[in-house]
C-alpha atoms as a PDB file:
ATOM      1  CA  MET A   1       0.233   0.523   0.039  1.00  0.00           C
ATOM      2  CA  SER A   2       1.298   3.295  -1.189  1.00  0.00           C
ATOM      3  CA  LEU A   3       1.017   5.877   1.741  1.00  0.00           C
ATOM      4  CA  ASN A   4       2.096   8.720  -0.060  1.00  0.00           C
ATOM      5  CA  ILE A   5      -1.127  10.057  -0.239  1.00  0.00           C
ATOM      6  CA  LEU A   6      -1.845  10.161   3.487  1.00  0.00           C
ATOM      7  CA  GLN A   7       1.450  11.848   4.273  1.00  0.00           C
ATOM      8  CA  LEU A   8      -0.849  15.000   2.806  1.00  0.00           C
ATOM      9  CA  SER A   9      -3.744  14.269   4.151  1.00  0.00           C
ATOM     10  CA  ILE A  10      -5.568  15.875   6.766  1.00  0.00           C
ATOM     11  CA  VAL A  11      -8.369  14.581   8.828  1.00  0.00           C
ATOM     12  CA  HIS A  12     -10.432  16.590  11.076  1.00  0.00           C
ATOM     13  CA  ARG A  13     -12.564  14.993  13.910  1.00  0.00           C
ATOM     14  CA  LEU A  14     -16.425  15.597  13.254  1.00  0.00           C
ATOM     15  CA  PRO A  15     -17.605  17.733  17.189  1.00  0.00           C
ATOM     16  CA  GLN A  16     -20.234  15.166  18.240  1.00  0.00           C
ATOM     17  CA  SER A  17     -20.697  11.128  19.011  1.00  0.00           C
ATOM     18  CA  TYR A  18     -22.319   8.849  16.511  1.00  0.00           C
ATOM     19  CA  ARG A  19     -23.950   5.388  16.995  1.00  0.00           C
ATOM     20  CA  TRP A  20     -25.123   3.615  13.673  1.00  0.00           C
ATOM     21  CA  ARG A  21     -29.237   3.808  11.883  1.00  0.00           C
ATOM     22  CA  ALA A  22     -31.522   0.859  13.019  1.00  0.00           C
ATOM     23  CA  GLY A  23     -31.022  -1.507  10.549  1.00  0.00           C
ATOM     24  CA  PHE A  24     -27.971   0.187   8.460  1.00  0.00           C
ATOM     25  CA  THR A  25     -24.801  -0.869  10.584  1.00  0.00           C
ATOM     26  CA  GLY A  26     -21.704   0.118   8.010  1.00  0.00           C
ATOM     27  CA  SER A  27     -23.601   2.380   6.464  1.00  0.00           C
ATOM     28  CA  CYS A  28     -25.645   5.288   7.618  1.00  0.00           C
ATOM     29  CA  VAL A  29     -25.275   7.053  11.089  1.00  0.00           C
ATOM     30  CA  GLU A  30     -26.703   9.747  13.084  1.00  0.00           C
ATOM     31  CA  PRO A  31     -25.464  11.833  15.837  1.00  0.00           C
ATOM     32  CA  ILE A  32     -26.304  11.191  19.498  1.00  0.00           C
ATOM     33  CA  ALA A  33     -26.290  14.184  22.125  1.00  0.00           C
ATOM     34  CA  ASN A  34     -22.216  14.201  23.183  1.00  0.00           C
ATOM     35  CA  ASN A  35     -23.541  13.849  26.829  1.00  0.00           C
ATOM     36  CA  ASP A  36     -25.647  10.347  26.492  1.00  0.00           C
ATOM     37  CA  ASN A  37     -23.803   7.279  27.502  1.00  0.00           C
ATOM     38  CA  SER A  38     -26.417   4.740  27.171  1.00  0.00           C
ATOM     39  CA  TYR A  39     -24.834   4.050  23.849  1.00  0.00           C
ATOM     40  CA  ASP A  40     -22.669   1.136  23.648  1.00  0.00           C
ATOM     41  CA  ASN A  41     -20.827   1.297  20.588  1.00  0.00           C
ATOM     42  CA  GLN A  42     -20.494   5.462  20.181  1.00  0.00           C
ATOM     43  CA  LEU A  43     -18.778   6.091  16.914  1.00  0.00           C
ATOM     44  CA  VAL A  44     -16.508   8.792  15.924  1.00  0.00           C
ATOM     45  CA  GLY A  45     -16.226  10.493  12.761  1.00  0.00           C
ATOM     46  CA  LEU A  46     -13.086  11.783  10.851  1.00  0.00           C
ATOM     47  CA  LYS A  47     -13.106  14.210   7.438  1.00  0.00           C
ATOM     48  CA  LEU A  48     -10.975  14.734   5.224  1.00  0.00           C
ATOM     49  CA  LEU A  49     -10.000  18.139   4.758  1.00  0.00           C
ATOM     50  CA  GLY A  50      -9.047  19.265   1.274  1.00  0.00           C
ATOM     51  CA  TYR A  51      -9.995  16.583  -0.888  1.00  0.00           C
ATOM     52  CA  ASP A  52     -13.190  16.526  -3.251  1.00  0.00           C
ATOM     53  CA  GLY A  53     -14.415  14.151  -6.888  1.00  0.00           C
ATOM     54  CA  GLU A  54     -12.719  10.833  -6.529  1.00  0.00           C
ATOM     55  CA  LYS A  55      -9.263  11.762  -5.001  1.00  0.00           C
ATOM     56  CA  ILE A  56     -11.226  11.907  -1.901  1.00  0.00           C
ATOM     57  CA  VAL A  57     -12.897   7.775  -2.407  1.00  0.00           C
ATOM     58  CA  ILE A  58      -9.641   7.226  -2.867  1.00  0.00           C
ATOM     59  CA  THR A  59      -7.814   8.488  -0.202  1.00  0.00           C
ATOM     60  CA  MET A  60     -10.583   7.377   2.536  1.00  0.00           C
ATOM     61  CA  GLU A  61     -10.057   4.012   1.489  1.00  0.00           C
ATOM     62  CA  LYS A  62      -6.066   3.853   1.683  1.00  0.00           C
ATOM     63  CA  LEU A  63      -7.434   5.450   5.529  1.00  0.00           C
ATOM     64  CA  SER A  64      -9.670   2.546   6.140  1.00  0.00           C
ATOM     65  CA  GLN A  65      -7.250   0.338   5.210  1.00  0.00           C
ATOM     66  CA  ALA A  66      -4.312   1.030   7.123  1.00  0.00           C
ATOM     67  CA  LEU A  67      -6.865   1.267  10.390  1.00  0.00           C
ATOM     68  CA  SER A  68      -7.714  -2.113   9.269  1.00  0.00           C
ATOM     69  CA  ASP A  69      -3.865  -3.224   8.623  1.00  0.00           C
ATOM     70  CA  ILE A  70      -3.415  -3.149  12.940  1.00  0.00           C
ATOM     71  CA  ASP A  71      -7.436  -4.650  13.313  1.00  0.00           C
ATOM     72  CA  VAL A  72      -9.304  -1.323  14.133  1.00  0.00           C
ATOM     73  CA  ALA A  73     -12.423  -1.767  12.065  1.00  0.00           C
ATOM     74  CA  SER A  74     -14.025   1.208  10.343  1.00  0.00           C
ATOM     75  CA  SER A  75     -16.160   2.282   7.670  1.00  0.00           C
ATOM     76  CA  VAL A  76     -16.131   4.612   5.318  1.00  0.00           C
ATOM     77  CA  VAL A  77     -20.354   6.552   4.912  1.00  0.00           C
ATOM     78  CA  GLU A  78     -21.950   9.280   4.011  1.00  0.00           C
ATOM     79  CA  TYR A  79     -22.904  11.906   6.212  1.00  0.00           C
ATOM     80  CA  GLU A  80     -24.409  15.338   5.095  1.00  0.00           C
ATOM     81  CA  GLY A  81     -23.091  14.912   1.924  1.00  0.00           C
ATOM     82  CA  GLU A  82     -19.201  14.482   2.953  1.00  0.00           C
ATOM     83  CA  LEU A  83     -17.372  11.196   3.085  1.00  0.00           C
ATOM     84  CA  CYS A  84     -16.396  10.415   6.803  1.00  0.00           C
ATOM     85  CA  LEU A  85     -14.434   7.416   7.844  1.00  0.00           C
ATOM     86  CA  PHE A  86     -16.389   6.581  11.160  1.00  0.00           C
ATOM     87  CA  VAL A  87     -14.272   3.947  13.896  1.00  0.00           C
ATOM     88  CA  SER A  88     -15.807   2.980  17.230  1.00  0.00           C
ATOM     89  CA  GLN A  89     -15.619   5.469  19.988  1.00  0.00           C
ATOM     90  CA  GLN A  90     -12.992   3.056  22.103  1.00  0.00           C
ATOM     91  CA  ASP A  91     -10.979   2.720  19.031  1.00  0.00           C
ATOM     92  CA  GLU A  92     -10.191   6.068  18.601  1.00  0.00           C
ATOM     93  CA  SER A  93      -6.782   6.450  19.819  1.00  0.00           C
ATOM     94  CA  ALA A  94      -5.255   3.790  18.379  1.00  0.00           C
ATOM     95  CA  ALA A  95      -6.987   5.299  15.062  1.00  0.00           C
ATOM     96  CA  THR A  96      -5.105   8.713  15.337  1.00  0.00           C
ATOM     97  CA  CYS A  97      -1.991   7.202  16.372  1.00  0.00           C
ATOM     98  CA  ARG A  98      -2.153   5.092  13.540  1.00  0.00           C
ATOM     99  CA  LEU A  99      -3.008   7.858  11.009  1.00  0.00           C
ATOM    100  CA  LYS A 100      -0.454  10.373  12.587  1.00  0.00           C
ATOM    101  CA  ASN A 101       2.263   7.069  12.274  1.00  0.00           C
ATOM    102  CA  CYS A 102       1.074   6.617   8.326  1.00  0.00           C
ATOM    103  CA  GLY A 103       1.551  10.748   8.208  1.00  0.00           C
ATOM    104  CA  VAL A 104      -1.825  11.802   8.592  1.00  0.00           C
ATOM    105  CA  ALA A 105      -2.222  15.298  10.022  1.00  0.00           C
ATOM    106  CA  ILE A 106      -5.085  15.376  12.545  1.00  0.00           C
ATOM    107  CA  ALA A 107      -6.399  19.213  12.995  1.00  0.00           C
ATOM    108  CA  GLU A 108      -7.620  19.327  16.759  1.00  0.00           C
ATOM    109  CA  HIS A 109     -10.790  21.711  17.677  1.00  0.00           C
ATOM    110  CA  MET A 110      -9.202  24.676  19.331  1.00  0.00           C
ATOM    111  CA  THR A 111     -10.913  26.637  21.949  1.00  0.00           C
ATOM    112  CA  THR A 112      -9.603  30.835  21.885  1.00  0.00           C
ATOM    113  CA  TYR A 113      -9.514  32.426  25.140  1.00  0.00           C
ATOM    114  CA  PRO A 114      -9.912  36.528  25.294  1.00  0.00           C
ATOM    115  CA  LEU A 115      -6.634  38.298  25.654  1.00  0.00           C
ATOM    116  CA  TYR A 116      -6.628  41.198  28.528  1.00  0.00           C
END
């Protein structure tokens, strides 16, 4: 597997938690409240930044394969019109570590504070 395309990739963690929509495991997600811990299999979504068209499909497949290589299950699913990679919340640390090791940059949400 060529990782060159991954070394130029940036992913952003979607701000919500998700679950598989009933009857659509692996193909359709829905957001859940961040404070709702009643779901055993919460998902984390990763959105690829800066790609479109066929290139996003190829890159997402490579991201998913990189995770599969370390036995982390993932699914590429369209969410709100964009392809996103979803992994179990339990696997988030392993997934982001693997992607970083492949050269993928992880865009972090930053909180800004006013300067006085």
